Amino acid sequence: GETGVTDLPILTDPRQKLSRDMGVLSLPVTILLDREGREIA
């Protein structure tokens, strides 16, 4: 609400399992995935 987000889903990784698996060590981190679900950037 404070940042004006109205069209993005609320998704959570409460135990940071996905974050750890994806090598996220700080925030924010943004990863670009291709159509096959592979990290490309």
Full PDB file with SEQRES, HELIX, SHEET, SSBOND, CRYST1, ORIGX, SCALE, CONECT and MASTER records, all heavy atoms in Angstrom:
SEQRES   1 A   41  GLY GLU THR GLY VAL THR ASP LEU PRO ILE LEU THR ASP          
SEQRES   2 A   41  PRO ARG GLN LYS LEU SER ARG ASP MET GLY VAL LEU SER          
SEQRES   3 A   41  LEU PRO VAL THR ILE LEU LEU ASP ARG GLU GLY ARG GLU          
SEQRES   4 A   41  ILE ALA                                                      
HELIX    1 AA1 LYS A   17  ASP A   21  1                                   5    
CRYST1    1.000    1.000    1.000  90.00  90.00  90.00 P 1           1          
ORIGX1      1.000000  0.000000  0.000000        0.00000                         
ORIGX2      0.000000  1.000000  0.000000        0.00000                         
ORIGX3      0.000000  0.000000  1.000000        0.00000                         
SCALE1      1.000000  0.000000  0.000000        0.00000                         
SCALE2      0.000000  1.000000  0.000000        0.00000                         
SCALE3      0.000000  0.000000  1.000000        0.00000                         
ATOM      1  N   GLY A   1       0.814  -1.216   0.000  1.00  0.00           N  
ATOM      2  CA  GLY A   1       0.000   0.000   0.000  1.00  0.00           C  
ATOM      3  C   GLY A   1       0.845   1.262   0.000  1.00  0.00           C  
ATOM      4  O   GLY A   1       0.561   2.214  -0.730  1.00  0.00           O  
ATOM      5  N   GLU A   2       1.887   1.268   0.817  1.00  0.00           N  
ATOM      6  CA  GLU A   2       2.762   2.446   0.921  1.00  0.00           C  
ATOM      7  C   GLU A   2       3.594   2.673  -0.330  1.00  0.00           C  
ATOM      8  O   GLU A   2       3.967   3.806  -0.621  1.00  0.00           O  
ATOM      9  CB  GLU A   2       3.686   2.318   2.130  1.00  0.00           C  
ATOM     10  CG  GLU A   2       2.965   2.402   3.448  1.00  0.00           C  
ATOM     11  CD  GLU A   2       3.843   2.082   4.649  1.00  0.00           C  
ATOM     12  OE1 GLU A   2       5.010   1.643   4.469  1.00  0.00           O  
ATOM     13  OE2 GLU A   2       3.361   2.253   5.778  1.00  0.00           O  
ATOM     14  N   THR A   3       3.882   1.616  -1.069  1.00  0.00           N  
ATOM     15  CA  THR A   3       4.717   1.750  -2.268  1.00  0.00           C  
ATOM     16  C   THR A   3       3.887   1.777  -3.555  1.00  0.00           C  
ATOM     17  O   THR A   3       4.440   1.850  -4.649  1.00  0.00           O  
ATOM     18  CB  THR A   3       5.765   0.619  -2.353  1.00  0.00           C  
ATOM     19  OG1 THR A   3       5.105  -0.650  -2.331  1.00  0.00           O  
ATOM     20  CG2 THR A   3       6.761   0.707  -1.201  1.00  0.00           C  
ATOM     21  N   GLY A   4       2.559   1.705  -3.427  1.00  0.00           N  
ATOM     22  CA  GLY A   4       1.695   1.791  -4.599  1.00  0.00           C  
ATOM     23  C   GLY A   4       1.575   0.513  -5.397  1.00  0.00           C  
ATOM     24  O   GLY A   4       1.182   0.531  -6.563  1.00  0.00           O  
ATOM     25  N   VAL A   5       1.905  -0.613  -4.793  1.00  0.00           N  
ATOM     26  CA  VAL A   5       1.815  -1.901  -5.489  1.00  0.00           C  
ATOM     27  C   VAL A   5       0.373  -2.390  -5.436  1.00  0.00           C  
ATOM     28  O   VAL A   5      -0.186  -2.595  -4.363  1.00  0.00           O  
ATOM     29  CB  VAL A   5       2.770  -2.936  -4.869  1.00  0.00           C  
ATOM     30  CG1 VAL A   5       2.551  -4.310  -5.476  1.00  0.00           C  
ATOM     31  CG2 VAL A   5       4.211  -2.494  -5.051  1.00  0.00           C  
ATOM     32  N   THR A   6      -0.211  -2.570  -6.618  1.00  0.00           N  
ATOM     33  CA  THR A   6      -1.595  -3.043  -6.698  1.00  0.00           C  
ATOM     34  C   THR A   6      -1.742  -4.277  -7.580  1.00  0.00           C  
ATOM     35  O   THR A   6      -2.744  -4.977  -7.478  1.00  0.00           O  
ATOM     36  CB  THR A   6      -2.499  -1.936  -7.271  1.00  0.00           C  
ATOM     37  OG1 THR A   6      -1.993  -1.545  -8.555  1.00  0.00           O  
ATOM     38  CG2 THR A   6      -2.557  -0.731  -6.346  1.00  0.00           C  
ATOM     39  N   ASP A   7      -0.763  -4.535  -8.447  1.00  0.00           N  
ATOM     40  CA  ASP A   7      -0.920  -5.603  -9.433  1.00  0.00           C  
ATOM     41  C   ASP A   7       0.099  -6.730  -9.296  1.00  0.00           C  
ATOM     42  O   ASP A   7       0.295  -7.495 -10.233  1.00  0.00           O  
ATOM     43  CB  ASP A   7      -0.806  -5.017 -10.845  1.00  0.00           C  
ATOM     44  CG  ASP A   7      -1.907  -4.014 -11.120  1.00  0.00           C  
ATOM     45  OD1 ASP A   7      -3.021  -4.210 -10.621  1.00  0.00           O  
ATOM     46  OD2 ASP A   7      -1.638  -3.023 -11.831  1.00  0.00           O  
ATOM     47  N   LEU A   8       0.747  -6.823  -8.159  1.00  0.00           N  
ATOM     48  CA  LEU A   8       1.704  -7.905  -7.958  1.00  0.00           C  
ATOM     49  C   LEU A   8       1.155  -8.869  -6.907  1.00  0.00           C  
ATOM     50  O   LEU A   8       0.500  -8.451  -5.954  1.00  0.00           O  
ATOM     51  CB  LEU A   8       3.059  -7.352  -7.489  1.00  0.00           C  
ATOM     52  CG  LEU A   8       3.812  -6.489  -8.489  1.00  0.00           C  
ATOM     53  CD1 LEU A   8       5.082  -5.938  -7.850  1.00  0.00           C  
ATOM     54  CD2 LEU A   8       4.142  -7.264  -9.752  1.00  0.00           C  
ATOM     55  N   PRO A   9       1.448 -10.145  -7.071  1.00  0.00           N  
ATOM     56  CA  PRO A   9       0.956 -11.121  -6.095  1.00  0.00           C  
ATOM     57  C   PRO A   9       1.759 -11.051  -4.793  1.00  0.00           C  
ATOM     58  O   PRO A   9       2.914 -10.633  -4.781  1.00  0.00           O  
ATOM     59  CB  PRO A   9       1.194 -12.460  -6.797  1.00  0.00           C  
ATOM     60  CG  PRO A   9       2.380 -12.205  -7.669  1.00  0.00           C  
ATOM     61  CD  PRO A   9       2.215 -10.779  -8.144  1.00  0.00           C  
ATOM     62  N   ILE A  10       1.135 -11.458  -3.715  1.00  0.00           N  
ATOM     63  CA  ILE A  10       1.837 -11.608  -2.443  1.00  0.00           C  
ATOM     64  C   ILE A  10       2.345 -13.036  -2.389  1.00  0.00           C  
ATOM     65  O   ILE A  10       1.565 -13.991  -2.349  1.00  0.00           O  
ATOM     66  CB  ILE A  10       0.921 -11.286  -1.249  1.00  0.00           C  
ATOM     67  CG1 ILE A  10       0.583  -9.795  -1.257  1.00  0.00           C  
ATOM     68  CG2 ILE A  10       1.584 -11.707   0.063  1.00  0.00           C  
ATOM     69  CD1 ILE A  10      -0.353  -9.356  -0.145  1.00  0.00           C  
ATOM     70  N   LEU A  11       3.666 -13.164  -2.428  1.00  0.00           N  
ATOM     71  CA  LEU A  11       4.333 -14.467  -2.401  1.00  0.00           C  
ATOM     72  C   LEU A  11       5.390 -14.427  -1.303  1.00  0.00           C  
ATOM     73  O   LEU A  11       6.062 -13.404  -1.127  1.00  0.00           O  
ATOM     74  CB  LEU A  11       4.985 -14.756  -3.754  1.00  0.00           C  
ATOM     75  CG  LEU A  11       4.040 -14.734  -4.950  1.00  0.00           C  
ATOM     76  CD1 LEU A  11       4.814 -14.761  -6.259  1.00  0.00           C  
ATOM     77  CD2 LEU A  11       3.069 -15.903  -4.875  1.00  0.00           C  
ATOM     78  N   THR A  12       5.530 -15.535  -0.577  1.00  0.00           N  
ATOM     79  CA  THR A  12       6.463 -15.545   0.550  1.00  0.00           C  
ATOM     80  C   THR A  12       7.363 -16.772   0.557  1.00  0.00           C  
ATOM     81  O   THR A  12       6.996 -17.845   0.076  1.00  0.00           O  
ATOM     82  CB  THR A  12       5.694 -15.497   1.890  1.00  0.00           C  
ATOM     83  OG1 THR A  12       4.893 -16.669   2.016  1.00  0.00           O  
ATOM     84  CG2 THR A  12       4.817 -14.253   1.989  1.00  0.00           C  
ATOM     85  N   ASP A  13       8.526 -16.569   1.137  1.00  0.00           N  
ATOM     86  CA  ASP A  13       9.516 -17.613   1.378  1.00  0.00           C  
ATOM     87  C   ASP A  13       9.928 -17.464   2.847  1.00  0.00           C  
ATOM     88  O   ASP A  13      11.013 -17.000   3.158  1.00  0.00           O  
ATOM     89  CB  ASP A  13      10.708 -17.406   0.430  1.00  0.00           C  
ATOM     90  CG  ASP A  13      11.804 -18.440   0.570  1.00  0.00           C  
ATOM     91  OD1 ASP A  13      11.532 -19.546   1.069  1.00  0.00           O  
ATOM     92  OD2 ASP A  13      12.939 -18.121   0.177  1.00  0.00           O  
ATOM     93  N   PRO A  14       9.012 -17.826   3.777  1.00  0.00           N  
ATOM     94  CA  PRO A  14       9.208 -17.482   5.184  1.00  0.00           C  
ATOM     95  C   PRO A  14      10.453 -18.076   5.831  1.00  0.00           C  
ATOM     96  O   PRO A  14      11.037 -17.461   6.709  1.00  0.00           O  
ATOM     97  CB  PRO A  14       7.936 -17.986   5.864  1.00  0.00           C  
ATOM     98  CG  PRO A  14       7.343 -18.966   4.926  1.00  0.00           C  
ATOM     99  CD  PRO A  14       7.778 -18.569   3.551  1.00  0.00           C  
ATOM    100  N   ARG A  15      10.860 -19.232   5.399  1.00  0.00           N  
ATOM    101  CA  ARG A  15      12.053 -19.856   5.987  1.00  0.00           C  
ATOM    102  C   ARG A  15      13.291 -19.677   5.103  1.00  0.00           C  
ATOM    103  O   ARG A  15      14.314 -20.287   5.345  1.00  0.00           O  
ATOM    104  CB  ARG A  15      11.781 -21.327   6.266  1.00  0.00           C  
ATOM    105  CG  ARG A  15      10.809 -21.518   7.411  1.00  0.00           C  
ATOM    106  CD  ARG A  15      10.776 -22.970   7.855  1.00  0.00           C  
ATOM    107  NE  ARG A  15      10.155 -23.159   9.137  1.00  0.00           N  
ATOM    108  CZ  ARG A  15       8.868 -23.088   9.399  1.00  0.00           C  
ATOM    109  NH1 ARG A  15       8.024 -22.780   8.454  1.00  0.00           N  
ATOM    110  NH2 ARG A  15       8.401 -23.317  10.604  1.00  0.00           N  
ATOM    111  N   GLN A  16      13.153 -18.890   4.067  1.00  0.00           N  
ATOM    112  CA  GLN A  16      14.240 -18.551   3.144  1.00  0.00           C  
ATOM    113  C   GLN A  16      14.854 -19.782   2.464  1.00  0.00           C  
ATOM    114  O   GLN A  16      15.999 -19.759   2.054  1.00  0.00           O  
ATOM    115  CB  GLN A  16      15.319 -17.735   3.852  1.00  0.00           C  
ATOM    116  CG  GLN A  16      14.808 -16.411   4.363  1.00  0.00           C  
ATOM    117  CD  GLN A  16      15.841 -15.656   5.146  1.00  0.00           C  
ATOM    118  OE1 GLN A  16      16.401 -16.177   6.104  1.00  0.00           O  
ATOM    119  NE2 GLN A  16      16.082 -14.430   4.740  1.00  0.00           N  
ATOM    120  N   LYS A  17      14.060 -20.829   2.312  1.00  0.00           N  
ATOM    121  CA  LYS A  17      14.575 -22.034   1.656  1.00  0.00           C  
ATOM    122  C   LYS A  17      14.855 -21.769   0.177  1.00  0.00           C  
ATOM    123  O   LYS A  17      15.911 -22.132  -0.337  1.00  0.00           O  
ATOM    124  CB  LYS A  17      13.593 -23.193   1.820  1.00  0.00           C  
ATOM    125  CG  LYS A  17      13.504 -23.713   3.229  1.00  0.00           C  
ATOM    126  CD  LYS A  17      12.514 -24.862   3.325  1.00  0.00           C  
ATOM    127  CE  LYS A  17      12.446 -25.392   4.732  1.00  0.00           C  
ATOM    128  NZ  LYS A  17      11.496 -26.527   4.827  1.00  0.00           N  
ATOM    129  N   LEU A  18      13.902 -21.154  -0.521  1.00  0.00           N  
ATOM    130  CA  LEU A  18      14.108 -20.839  -1.931  1.00  0.00           C  
ATOM    131  C   LEU A  18      15.250 -19.835  -2.081  1.00  0.00           C  
ATOM    132  O   LEU A  18      16.113 -19.994  -2.944  1.00  0.00           O  
ATOM    133  CB  LEU A  18      12.832 -20.300  -2.574  1.00  0.00           C  
ATOM    134  CG  LEU A  18      12.951 -19.867  -4.035  1.00  0.00           C  
ATOM    135  CD1 LEU A  18      13.342 -21.045  -4.930  1.00  0.00           C  
ATOM    136  CD2 LEU A  18      11.652 -19.236  -4.513  1.00  0.00           C  
ATOM    137  N   SER A  19      15.246 -18.818  -1.233  1.00  0.00           N  
ATOM    138  CA  SER A  19      16.303 -17.807  -1.289  1.00  0.00           C  
ATOM    139  C   SER A  19      17.677 -18.455  -1.169  1.00  0.00           C  
ATOM    140  O   SER A  19      18.592 -18.158  -1.950  1.00  0.00           O  
ATOM    141  CB  SER A  19      16.140 -16.779  -0.166  1.00  0.00           C  
ATOM    142  OG  SER A  19      14.878 -16.164  -0.224  1.00  0.00           O  
ATOM    143  N   ARG A  20      17.840 -19.328  -0.189  1.00  0.00           N  
ATOM    144  CA  ARG A  20      19.128 -20.010  -0.003  1.00  0.00           C  
ATOM    145  C   ARG A  20      19.470 -20.874  -1.213  1.00  0.00           C  
ATOM    146  O   ARG A  20      20.608 -20.868  -1.686  1.00  0.00           O  
ATOM    147  CB  ARG A  20      19.110 -20.849   1.275  1.00  0.00           C  
ATOM    148  CG  ARG A  20      19.311 -20.027   2.529  1.00  0.00           C  
ATOM    149  CD  ARG A  20      19.636 -20.911   3.736  1.00  0.00           C  
ATOM    150  NE  ARG A  20      18.636 -21.934   4.010  1.00  0.00           N  
ATOM    151  CZ  ARG A  20      17.554 -21.755   4.757  1.00  0.00           C  
ATOM    152  NH1 ARG A  20      17.327 -20.598   5.324  1.00  0.00           N  
ATOM    153  NH2 ARG A  20      16.698 -22.737   4.955  1.00  0.00           N  
ATOM    154  N   ASP A  21      18.474 -21.626  -1.707  1.00  0.00           N  
ATOM    155  CA  ASP A  21      18.725 -22.483  -2.872  1.00  0.00           C  
ATOM    156  C   ASP A  21      19.153 -21.679  -4.097  1.00  0.00           C  
ATOM    157  O   ASP A  21      19.892 -22.175  -4.938  1.00  0.00           O  
ATOM    158  CB  ASP A  21      17.479 -23.299  -3.223  1.00  0.00           C  
ATOM    159  CG  ASP A  21      17.283 -24.494  -2.323  1.00  0.00           C  
ATOM    160  OD1 ASP A  21      18.151 -24.768  -1.463  1.00  0.00           O  
ATOM    161  OD2 ASP A  21      16.248 -25.180  -2.472  1.00  0.00           O  
ATOM    162  N   MET A  22      18.654 -20.447  -4.178  1.00  0.00           N  
ATOM    163  CA  MET A  22      18.977 -19.592  -5.319  1.00  0.00           C  
ATOM    164  C   MET A  22      20.225 -18.740  -5.062  1.00  0.00           C  
ATOM    165  O   MET A  22      20.585 -17.908  -5.883  1.00  0.00           O  
ATOM    166  CB  MET A  22      17.787 -18.688  -5.663  1.00  0.00           C  
ATOM    167  CG  MET A  22      16.542 -19.415  -6.131  1.00  0.00           C  
ATOM    168  SD  MET A  22      16.672 -20.195  -7.753  1.00  0.00           S  
ATOM    169  CE  MET A  22      16.915 -18.796  -8.816  1.00  0.00           C  
ATOM    170  N   GLY A  23      20.890 -18.933  -3.923  1.00  0.00           N  
ATOM    171  CA  GLY A  23      22.119 -18.212  -3.637  1.00  0.00           C  
ATOM    172  C   GLY A  23      21.916 -16.748  -3.296  1.00  0.00           C  
ATOM    173  O   GLY A  23      22.795 -15.925  -3.534  1.00  0.00           O  
ATOM    174  N   VAL A  24      20.768 -16.416  -2.723  1.00  0.00           N  
ATOM    175  CA  VAL A  24      20.478 -15.033  -2.339  1.00  0.00           C  
ATOM    176  C   VAL A  24      21.069 -14.801  -0.951  1.00  0.00           C  
ATOM    177  O   VAL A  24      20.648 -15.421   0.014  1.00  0.00           O  
ATOM    178  CB  VAL A  24      18.959 -14.764  -2.354  1.00  0.00           C  
ATOM    179  CG1 VAL A  24      18.637 -13.392  -1.800  1.00  0.00           C  
ATOM    180  CG2 VAL A  24      18.420 -14.933  -3.766  1.00  0.00           C  
ATOM    181  N   LEU A  25      22.039 -13.877  -0.877  1.00  0.00           N  
ATOM    182  CA  LEU A  25      22.730 -13.612   0.382  1.00  0.00           C  
ATOM    183  C   LEU A  25      22.394 -12.251   0.970  1.00  0.00           C  
ATOM    184  O   LEU A  25      22.744 -11.962   2.106  1.00  0.00           O  
ATOM    185  CB  LEU A  25      24.245 -13.723   0.170  1.00  0.00           C  
ATOM    186  CG  LEU A  25      24.739 -15.068  -0.360  1.00  0.00           C  
ATOM    187  CD1 LEU A  25      26.228 -15.017  -0.640  1.00  0.00           C  
ATOM    188  CD2 LEU A  25      24.398 -16.186   0.599  1.00  0.00           C  
ATOM    189  N   SER A  26      21.769 -11.397   0.183  1.00  0.00           N  
ATOM    190  CA  SER A  26      21.376 -10.068   0.646  1.00  0.00           C  
ATOM    191  C   SER A  26      20.097  -9.685  -0.093  1.00  0.00           C  
ATOM    192  O   SER A  26      19.663 -10.400  -0.985  1.00  0.00           O  
ATOM    193  CB  SER A  26      22.492  -9.057   0.367  1.00  0.00           C  
ATOM    194  OG  SER A  26      22.708  -8.948  -1.035  1.00  0.00           O  
ATOM    195  N   LEU A  27      19.515  -8.557   0.276  1.00  0.00           N  
ATOM    196  CA  LEU A  27      18.289  -8.112  -0.384  1.00  0.00           C  
ATOM    197  C   LEU A  27      18.432  -6.667  -0.805  1.00  0.00           C  
ATOM    198  O   LEU A  27      19.114  -5.909  -0.121  1.00  0.00           O  
ATOM    199  CB  LEU A  27      17.087  -8.267   0.550  1.00  0.00           C  
ATOM    200  CG  LEU A  27      16.734  -9.695   0.953  1.00  0.00           C  
ATOM    201  CD1 LEU A  27      15.622  -9.682   1.990  1.00  0.00           C  
ATOM    202  CD2 LEU A  27      16.331 -10.529  -0.253  1.00  0.00           C  
ATOM    203  N   PRO A  28      17.802  -6.277  -1.874  1.00  0.00           N  
ATOM    204  CA  PRO A  28      17.073  -7.105  -2.827  1.00  0.00           C  
ATOM    205  C   PRO A  28      18.029  -7.806  -3.804  1.00  0.00           C  
ATOM    206  O   PRO A  28      19.145  -7.351  -4.035  1.00  0.00           O  
ATOM    207  CB  PRO A  28      16.206  -6.092  -3.574  1.00  0.00           C  
ATOM    208  CG  PRO A  28      17.009  -4.827  -3.538  1.00  0.00           C  
ATOM    209  CD  PRO A  28      17.731  -4.850  -2.205  1.00  0.00           C  
ATOM    210  N   VAL A  29      17.545  -8.889  -4.358  1.00  0.00           N  
ATOM    211  CA  VAL A  29      18.215  -9.592  -5.449  1.00  0.00           C  
ATOM    212  C   VAL A  29      17.147  -9.897  -6.485  1.00  0.00           C  
ATOM    213  O   VAL A  29      16.063 -10.369  -6.142  1.00  0.00           O  
ATOM    214  CB  VAL A  29      18.896 -10.895  -4.982  1.00  0.00           C  
ATOM    215  CG1 VAL A  29      19.358 -11.730  -6.158  1.00  0.00           C  
ATOM    216  CG2 VAL A  29      20.067 -10.590  -4.061  1.00  0.00           C  
ATOM    217  N   THR A  30      17.462  -9.625  -7.738  1.00  0.00           N  
ATOM    218  CA  THR A  30      16.520  -9.878  -8.824  1.00  0.00           C  
ATOM    219  C   THR A  30      17.185 -10.800  -9.827  1.00  0.00           C  
ATOM    220  O   THR A  30      18.318 -10.559 -10.248  1.00  0.00           O  
ATOM    221  CB  THR A  30      16.080  -8.563  -9.480  1.00  0.00           C  
ATOM    222  OG1 THR A  30      15.570  -7.706  -8.455  1.00  0.00           O  
ATOM    223  CG2 THR A  30      15.002  -8.807 -10.508  1.00  0.00           C  
ATOM    224  N   ILE A  31      16.459 -11.845 -10.197  1.00  0.00           N  
ATOM    225  CA  ILE A  31      16.990 -12.884 -11.088  1.00  0.00           C  
ATOM    226  C   ILE A  31      16.081 -12.975 -12.304  1.00  0.00           C  
ATOM    227  O   ILE A  31      14.864 -13.063 -12.179  1.00  0.00           O  
ATOM    228  CB  ILE A  31      17.057 -14.238 -10.346  1.00  0.00           C  
ATOM    229  CG1 ILE A  31      18.009 -14.117  -9.148  1.00  0.00           C  
ATOM    230  CG2 ILE A  31      17.470 -15.352 -11.295  1.00  0.00           C  
ATOM    231  CD1 ILE A  31      17.986 -15.304  -8.213  1.00  0.00           C  
ATOM    232  N   LEU A  32      16.687 -12.956 -13.481  1.00  0.00           N  
ATOM    233  CA  LEU A  32      15.942 -13.098 -14.727  1.00  0.00           C  
ATOM    234  C   LEU A  32      15.994 -14.562 -15.151  1.00  0.00           C  
ATOM    235  O   LEU A  32      17.077 -15.139 -15.282  1.00  0.00           O  
ATOM    236  CB  LEU A  32      16.544 -12.196 -15.814  1.00  0.00           C  
ATOM    237  CG  LEU A  32      15.783 -12.104 -17.130  1.00  0.00           C  
ATOM    238  CD1 LEU A  32      14.375 -11.536 -16.930  1.00  0.00           C  
ATOM    239  CD2 LEU A  32      16.568 -11.235 -18.124  1.00  0.00           C  
ATOM    240  N   LEU A  33      14.800 -15.154 -15.305  1.00  0.00           N  
ATOM    241  CA  LEU A  33      14.685 -16.556 -15.732  1.00  0.00           C  
ATOM    242  C   LEU A  33      14.161 -16.608 -17.157  1.00  0.00           C  
ATOM    243  O   LEU A  33      13.260 -15.844 -17.520  1.00  0.00           O  
ATOM    244  CB  LEU A  33      13.709 -17.311 -14.825  1.00  0.00           C  
ATOM    245  CG  LEU A  33      14.010 -17.331 -13.331  1.00  0.00           C  
ATOM    246  CD1 LEU A  33      12.886 -18.045 -12.582  1.00  0.00           C  
ATOM    247  CD2 LEU A  33      15.344 -17.979 -13.047  1.00  0.00           C  
ATOM    248  N   ASP A  34      14.712 -17.520 -17.950  1.00  0.00           N  
ATOM    249  CA  ASP A  34      14.213 -17.698 -19.308  1.00  0.00           C  
ATOM    250  C   ASP A  34      12.963 -18.567 -19.299  1.00  0.00           C  
ATOM    251  O   ASP A  34      12.496 -18.997 -18.241  1.00  0.00           O  
ATOM    252  CB  ASP A  34      15.308 -18.248 -20.242  1.00  0.00           C  
ATOM    253  CG  ASP A  34      15.751 -19.668 -19.904  1.00  0.00           C  
ATOM    254  OD1 ASP A  34      15.101 -20.362 -19.088  1.00  0.00           O  
ATOM    255  OD2 ASP A  34      16.774 -20.094 -20.477  1.00  0.00           O  
ATOM    256  N   ARG A  35      12.419 -18.819 -20.469  1.00  0.00           N  
ATOM    257  CA  ARG A  35      11.164 -19.577 -20.576  1.00  0.00           C  
ATOM    258  C   ARG A  35      11.276 -21.008 -20.051  1.00  0.00           C  
ATOM    259  O   ARG A  35      10.284 -21.632 -19.714  1.00  0.00           O  
ATOM    260  CB  ARG A  35      10.694 -19.608 -22.028  1.00  0.00           C  
ATOM    261  CG  ARG A  35      10.257 -18.249 -22.537  1.00  0.00           C  
ATOM    262  CD  ARG A  35       9.844 -18.358 -24.008  1.00  0.00           C  
ATOM    263  NE  ARG A  35       9.595 -17.072 -24.606  1.00  0.00           N  
ATOM    264  CZ  ARG A  35       8.438 -16.424 -24.540  1.00  0.00           C  
ATOM    265  NH1 ARG A  35       7.427 -16.963 -23.902  1.00  0.00           N  
ATOM    266  NH2 ARG A  35       8.300 -15.256 -25.115  1.00  0.00           N  
ATOM    267  N   GLU A  36      12.493 -21.541 -19.990  1.00  0.00           N  
ATOM    268  CA  GLU A  36      12.701 -22.899 -19.485  1.00  0.00           C  
ATOM    269  C   GLU A  36      12.935 -22.913 -17.983  1.00  0.00           C  
ATOM    270  O   GLU A  36      13.212 -23.960 -17.407  1.00  0.00           O  
ATOM    271  CB  GLU A  36      13.885 -23.558 -20.200  1.00  0.00           C  
ATOM    272  CG  GLU A  36      13.570 -24.018 -21.613  1.00  0.00           C  
ATOM    273  CD  GLU A  36      13.569 -22.842 -22.593  1.00  0.00           C  
ATOM    274  OE1 GLU A  36      14.470 -21.986 -22.506  1.00  0.00           O  
ATOM    275  OE2 GLU A  36      12.658 -22.772 -23.435  1.00  0.00           O  
ATOM    276  N   GLY A  37      12.857 -21.744 -17.342  1.00  0.00           N  
ATOM    277  CA  GLY A  37      13.052 -21.680 -15.901  1.00  0.00           C  
ATOM    278  C   GLY A  37      14.508 -21.691 -15.493  1.00  0.00           C  
ATOM    279  O   GLY A  37      14.845 -22.096 -14.380  1.00  0.00           O  
ATOM    280  N   ARG A  38      15.378 -21.219 -16.372  1.00  0.00           N  
ATOM    281  CA  ARG A  38      16.806 -21.170 -16.073  1.00  0.00           C  
ATOM    282  C   ARG A  38      17.239 -19.729 -15.796  1.00  0.00           C  
ATOM    283  O   ARG A  38      16.794 -18.804 -16.471  1.00  0.00           O  
ATOM    284  CB  ARG A  38      17.627 -21.713 -17.242  1.00  0.00           C  
ATOM    285  CG  ARG A  38      17.289 -23.155 -17.588  1.00  0.00           C  
ATOM    286  CD  ARG A  38      18.018 -23.606 -18.807  1.00  0.00           C  
ATOM    287  NE  ARG A  38      17.689 -22.720 -19.921  1.00  0.00           N  
ATOM    288  CZ  ARG A  38      18.223 -22.808 -21.134  1.00  0.00           C  
ATOM    289  NH1 ARG A  38      19.099 -23.744 -21.410  1.00  0.00           N  
ATOM    290  NH2 ARG A  38      17.877 -21.961 -22.091  1.00  0.00           N  
ATOM    291  N   GLU A  39      18.110 -19.567 -14.821  1.00  0.00           N  
ATOM    292  CA  GLU A  39      18.649 -18.250 -14.515  1.00  0.00           C  
ATOM    293  C   GLU A  39      19.575 -17.809 -15.637  1.00  0.00           C  
ATOM    294  O   GLU A  39      20.523 -18.510 -15.987  1.00  0.00           O  
ATOM    295  CB  GLU A  39      19.408 -18.279 -13.196  1.00  0.00           C  
ATOM    296  CG  GLU A  39      20.005 -16.943 -12.830  1.00  0.00           C  
ATOM    297  CD  GLU A  39      20.703 -16.923 -11.486  1.00  0.00           C  
ATOM    298  OE1 GLU A  39      20.571 -17.901 -10.712  1.00  0.00           O  
ATOM    299  OE2 GLU A  39      21.387 -15.927 -11.211  1.00  0.00           O  
ATOM    300  N   ILE A  40      19.286 -16.619 -16.202  1.00  0.00           N  
ATOM    301  CA  ILE A  40      20.130 -16.096 -17.271  1.00  0.00           C  
ATOM    302  C   ILE A  40      20.821 -14.799 -16.870  1.00  0.00           C  
ATOM    303  O   ILE A  40      21.766 -14.376 -17.538  1.00  0.00           O  
ATOM    304  CB  ILE A  40      19.358 -15.909 -18.594  1.00  0.00           C  
ATOM    305  CG1 ILE A  40      18.160 -14.971 -18.424  1.00  0.00           C  
ATOM    306  CG2 ILE A  40      18.929 -17.271 -19.150  1.00  0.00           C  
ATOM    307  CD1 ILE A  40      17.459 -14.623 -19.738  1.00  0.00           C  
ATOM    308  N   ALA A  41      20.370 -14.172 -15.774  1.00  0.00           N  
ATOM    309  CA  ALA A  41      21.025 -12.958 -15.294  1.00  0.00           C  
ATOM    310  C   ALA A  41      20.609 -12.693 -13.859  1.00  0.00           C  
ATOM    311  O   ALA A  41      19.554 -13.151 -13.413  1.00  0.00           O  
ATOM    312  CB  ALA A  41      20.678 -11.764 -16.174  1.00  0.00           C  
TER     313      ALA A  41                                                      
MASTER        0    0    0    1    0    0    0    6  312    1    0    4          
END                                                                             
